[in-house]
Protein backbone atom coordinates (compact mmCIF):
# COMPACT_ATOMS: atom_id res chain seq x y z
CA MET A 1 16.38 1.90 11.28
CA LEU A 2 13.28 2.78 9.24
CA ARG A 3 10.14 2.42 11.36
CA VAL A 4 7.31 1.19 9.11
CA LEU A 5 3.58 1.17 9.87
CA VAL A 6 1.42 -0.91 7.52
CA LEU A 7 -2.27 -0.12 6.96
CA VAL A 8 -4.48 -2.95 5.68
CA SER A 9 -8.11 -3.84 5.09
CA GLY A 10 -8.15 -7.48 4.02
CA GLY A 11 -6.07 -10.62 3.78
CA GLY A 12 -2.70 -8.93 3.98
CA THR A 13 -0.83 -10.64 1.15
CA ASN A 14 1.23 -7.51 0.53
CA LEU A 15 1.89 -7.27 4.28
CA GLN A 16 3.14 -10.86 4.17
CA ALA A 17 5.43 -9.99 1.26
CA ILE A 18 6.89 -7.14 3.34
CA LEU A 19 7.35 -9.31 6.44
CA ASP A 20 9.01 -12.04 4.38
CA ALA A 21 11.31 -9.55 2.67
CA VAL A 22 12.43 -8.14 6.03
CA ASP A 23 13.10 -11.67 7.31
CA GLU A 24 15.01 -12.62 4.16
CA GLY A 25 17.08 -9.43 4.21
CA SER A 26 15.88 -8.04 0.88
CA ILE A 27 14.46 -5.14 2.90
CA THR A 28 17.29 -3.83 5.03
CA ASN A 29 17.54 -1.38 7.94
CA THR A 30 13.77 -1.65 8.51
CA GLU A 31 11.47 -2.58 11.37
CA ILE A 32 7.72 -3.19 11.02
CA VAL A 33 6.50 -1.38 14.13
CA GLY A 34 2.74 -1.76 13.74
CA VAL A 35 -0.26 -2.79 11.64
CA ILE A 36 -3.60 -0.99 11.66
CA SER A 37 -6.75 -2.24 9.93
CA ASN A 38 -10.21 -0.71 9.56
CA ASN A 39 -11.62 -4.25 9.53
CA LYS A 40 -11.53 -6.28 12.75
CA ASN A 41 -11.91 -9.49 10.74
CA ALA A 42 -8.98 -8.77 8.42
CA TYR A 43 -6.67 -11.77 8.25
CA ALA A 44 -3.83 -9.28 7.96
CA LEU A 45 -4.18 -8.65 11.72
CA THR A 46 -3.59 -12.36 12.35
CA ARG A 47 -0.55 -12.35 10.05
CA ALA A 48 0.90 -9.43 12.01
CA ARG A 49 0.31 -10.91 15.45
CA GLU A 50 1.71 -14.27 14.43
CA HIS A 51 4.81 -12.40 13.36
CA GLY A 52 5.09 -10.58 16.68
CA VAL A 53 3.99 -7.23 15.26
CA ALA A 54 1.56 -5.05 17.25
CA ALA A 55 -1.80 -4.96 15.43
CA GLN A 56 -5.02 -3.06 16.06
CA CYS A 57 -8.35 -2.25 14.44
CA ILE A 58 -9.63 1.31 14.14
CA SER A 59 -12.85 1.36 12.14
CA PRO A 60 -14.97 4.32 10.99
CA LYS A 61 -17.97 2.19 11.95
CA ASP A 62 -17.05 2.57 15.61
CA PHE A 63 -17.31 6.37 15.58
CA ALA A 64 -20.27 8.71 15.32
CA THR A 65 -18.62 10.88 12.66
CA ARG A 66 -15.82 10.58 10.14
CA GLU A 67 -14.14 13.56 11.83
CA GLU A 68 -14.01 11.66 15.13
CA PHE A 69 -12.57 8.61 13.37
CA ASN A 70 -9.95 10.73 11.60
CA GLU A 71 -8.88 12.25 14.90
CA LYS A 72 -8.50 8.89 16.67
CA PHE A 73 -6.85 7.34 13.64
CA LEU A 74 -4.24 10.08 13.43
CA GLU A 75 -3.66 9.86 17.19
CA ALA A 76 -2.96 6.13 16.87
CA VAL A 77 -0.56 6.70 13.97
CA ASP A 78 1.28 9.47 15.81
CA GLU A 79 1.58 7.28 18.90
CA ILE A 80 3.37 4.62 16.86
CA GLY A 81 5.64 7.28 15.38
CA PRO A 82 6.45 5.73 11.99
CA ASP A 83 9.07 7.00 9.57
CA LEU A 84 7.10 5.47 6.69
CA ILE A 85 3.43 4.49 6.34
CA VAL A 86 2.61 1.77 3.81
CA LEU A 87 -0.91 1.38 2.44
CA ALA A 88 -1.15 -2.30 1.55
CA GLY A 89 -4.72 -2.70 0.39
CA PHE A 90 -6.15 -0.05 2.73
CA LEU A 91 -9.65 0.93 1.63
CA VAL A 92 -10.13 4.03 3.79
CA VAL A 93 -9.48 7.57 2.58
CA ILE A 94 -6.46 8.98 4.38
CA PRO A 95 -7.37 12.17 6.31
CA ALA A 96 -6.00 15.31 4.65
CA GLU A 97 -4.33 16.32 7.91
CA MET A 98 -2.42 13.03 7.94
CA THR A 99 -1.40 13.36 4.30
CA ALA A 100 -0.01 16.81 5.03
CA LYS A 101 1.73 15.78 8.25
CA TYR A 102 3.38 12.74 6.66
CA ARG A 103 4.15 14.33 3.27
CA ASN A 104 6.25 11.97 1.11
CA ARG A 105 6.23 9.45 3.96
CA ILE A 106 3.10 7.53 2.91
CA ILE A 107 3.27 5.05 0.02
CA ASN A 108 0.56 3.00 -1.69
CA ILE A 109 0.55 -0.05 -3.94
CA HIS A 110 -1.99 0.07 -6.79
CA PRO A 111 -2.68 -2.90 -9.10
CA SER A 112 -2.32 -1.08 -12.43
CA LEU A 113 0.20 0.93 -14.39
CA ILE A 114 -0.89 4.40 -13.27
CA PRO A 115 -2.41 6.49 -14.86
CA ALA A 116 -4.38 3.57 -16.35
CA PHE A 117 -7.27 2.12 -14.33
CA CYS A 118 -6.77 4.23 -11.24
CA GLY A 119 -8.61 6.85 -9.24
CA THR A 120 -11.97 6.75 -7.48
CA GLY A 121 -13.73 3.40 -7.81
CA PHE A 122 -10.71 1.48 -9.07
CA TYR A 123 -9.67 -1.01 -6.38
CA GLY A 124 -9.36 -4.76 -5.96
CA LEU A 125 -10.94 -6.86 -8.69
CA LYS A 126 -12.56 -3.79 -10.25
CA VAL A 127 -9.16 -2.78 -11.65
CA HIS A 128 -8.66 -6.13 -13.36
CA GLU A 129 -12.23 -6.33 -14.59
CA ALA A 130 -11.79 -2.93 -16.27
CA ALA A 131 -8.45 -3.92 -17.81
CA LEU A 132 -9.86 -7.10 -19.31
CA LYS A 133 -12.97 -5.31 -20.56
CA ARG A 134 -10.77 -2.75 -22.32
CA GLY A 135 -8.68 -5.50 -23.87
CA VAL A 136 -5.27 -4.22 -22.82
CA LYS A 137 -2.30 -6.50 -23.44
CA VAL A 138 -0.17 -5.32 -20.52
CA VAL A 139 -1.17 -4.51 -16.95
CA GLY A 140 0.94 -4.25 -13.82
CA ALA A 141 1.37 -2.48 -10.50
CA THR A 142 2.57 0.89 -9.24
CA VAL A 143 4.07 2.05 -5.95
CA HIS A 144 3.55 5.76 -5.41
CA PHE A 145 3.61 8.39 -2.71
CA VAL A 146 0.21 9.44 -1.39
CA ASP A 147 -1.00 13.00 -1.89
CA GLU A 148 -4.42 14.64 -1.61
CA GLY A 149 -5.72 12.98 -4.77
CA THR A 150 -6.62 9.35 -5.47
CA ASP A 151 -3.63 7.53 -6.99
CA THR A 152 -2.16 10.87 -8.09
CA GLY A 153 1.04 11.07 -6.02
CA PRO A 154 4.61 10.80 -7.37
CA ILE A 155 5.39 7.36 -8.82
CA ILE A 156 8.25 5.42 -7.22
CA LEU A 157 8.27 2.08 -9.08
CA GLN A 158 6.20 0.30 -11.72
CA LYS A 159 6.31 -3.24 -13.08
CA ALA A 160 4.46 -4.59 -16.10
CA VAL A 161 2.65 -7.93 -16.33
CA GLU A 162 1.35 -9.47 -19.56
CA VAL A 163 -2.31 -10.35 -19.96
CA GLU A 164 -2.77 -13.95 -21.12
CA GLU A 165 -5.47 -15.63 -23.19
CA GLY A 166 -8.28 -16.90 -20.98
CA ASP A 167 -7.50 -14.62 -18.05
CA THR A 168 -10.30 -13.95 -15.60
CA PRO A 169 -10.16 -10.99 -13.20
CA GLU A 170 -9.22 -13.39 -10.39
CA ILE A 171 -6.43 -15.07 -12.36
CA LEU A 172 -5.06 -11.73 -13.53
CA GLN A 173 -5.22 -10.30 -10.02
CA ARG A 174 -3.16 -13.19 -8.70
CA ARG A 175 -0.54 -12.86 -11.44
CA VAL A 176 -0.20 -9.12 -10.88
CA MET A 177 0.31 -9.75 -7.16
CA GLU A 178 2.88 -12.49 -7.68
CA GLN A 179 4.83 -10.89 -10.54
CA ALA A 180 4.55 -7.21 -9.60
CA GLU A 181 3.02 -6.14 -6.28
CA TRP A 182 4.94 -8.54 -4.04
CA LYS A 183 8.18 -7.53 -5.73
CA ILE A 184 8.05 -3.75 -6.13
CA LEU A 185 6.48 -2.90 -2.77
CA PRO A 186 9.34 -4.46 -0.75
CA GLN A 187 11.80 -2.99 -3.28
CA ALA A 188 10.39 0.52 -2.77
CA ILE A 189 10.57 0.20 1.03
CA ASN A 190 14.17 -0.93 0.78
CA LEU A 191 15.06 2.02 -1.46
CA ILE A 192 13.47 4.42 1.03
CA ALA A 193 15.21 2.71 3.96
CA GLY A 194 18.49 3.21 2.14
CA GLY A 195 17.82 6.92 1.69
CA ARG A 196 17.83 6.58 -2.09
CA VAL A 197 14.41 8.12 -2.84
CA THR A 198 13.73 11.84 -3.15
CA VAL A 199 10.88 13.87 -4.63
CA GLU A 200 11.79 16.83 -6.81
CA ASP A 201 9.24 18.90 -8.73
CA GLY A 202 6.57 16.26 -8.17
CA LYS A 203 8.69 13.44 -9.55
CA VAL A 204 10.63 10.70 -7.79
CA ARG A 205 14.38 10.44 -8.22
CA ILE A 206 16.18 7.25 -7.22
CA ARG A 207 19.88 7.58 -6.52
């Protein structure tokens, strides 16, 4: 049984997609063992608790230094003991020590087709604003492993979504979530739970 910890900062729509997929059986051999948010007001915490999943807030704002936060954050993660950590809209930089300790066991969902519109400063609506400003015809989402860079880890899955006439950033964001994010994130977790994902020479192989 794959023990999954989900890290969130906001509403938790991707968390809900994961929970629903586990309930429906499209994610198999998996248990969601905890949810951690850096935002005590995140609705994702409510989603977790209503689903019977242990949820807690650990915020950098509650610590004197980022080093102290990183230490407590890593302690909390280690205490849960996850096999896989899923960043589902988590807007805090993962401590380098944690990235190293959980190498190829942390995945992230990003709302673009990496390497387009990714890296520092590209998150949330900013990604979709940039895509529309550039006039691209196809956008999408990417699930990737987390490394020391920003959106630079090995890519697991990608799914394209067409841009439509009259799209606003908000409309496009919603379509990317519905058509891509909520599909490939549960799919990636299921592949990992089934032992089908390996990383070789910096690239993901799916068996």
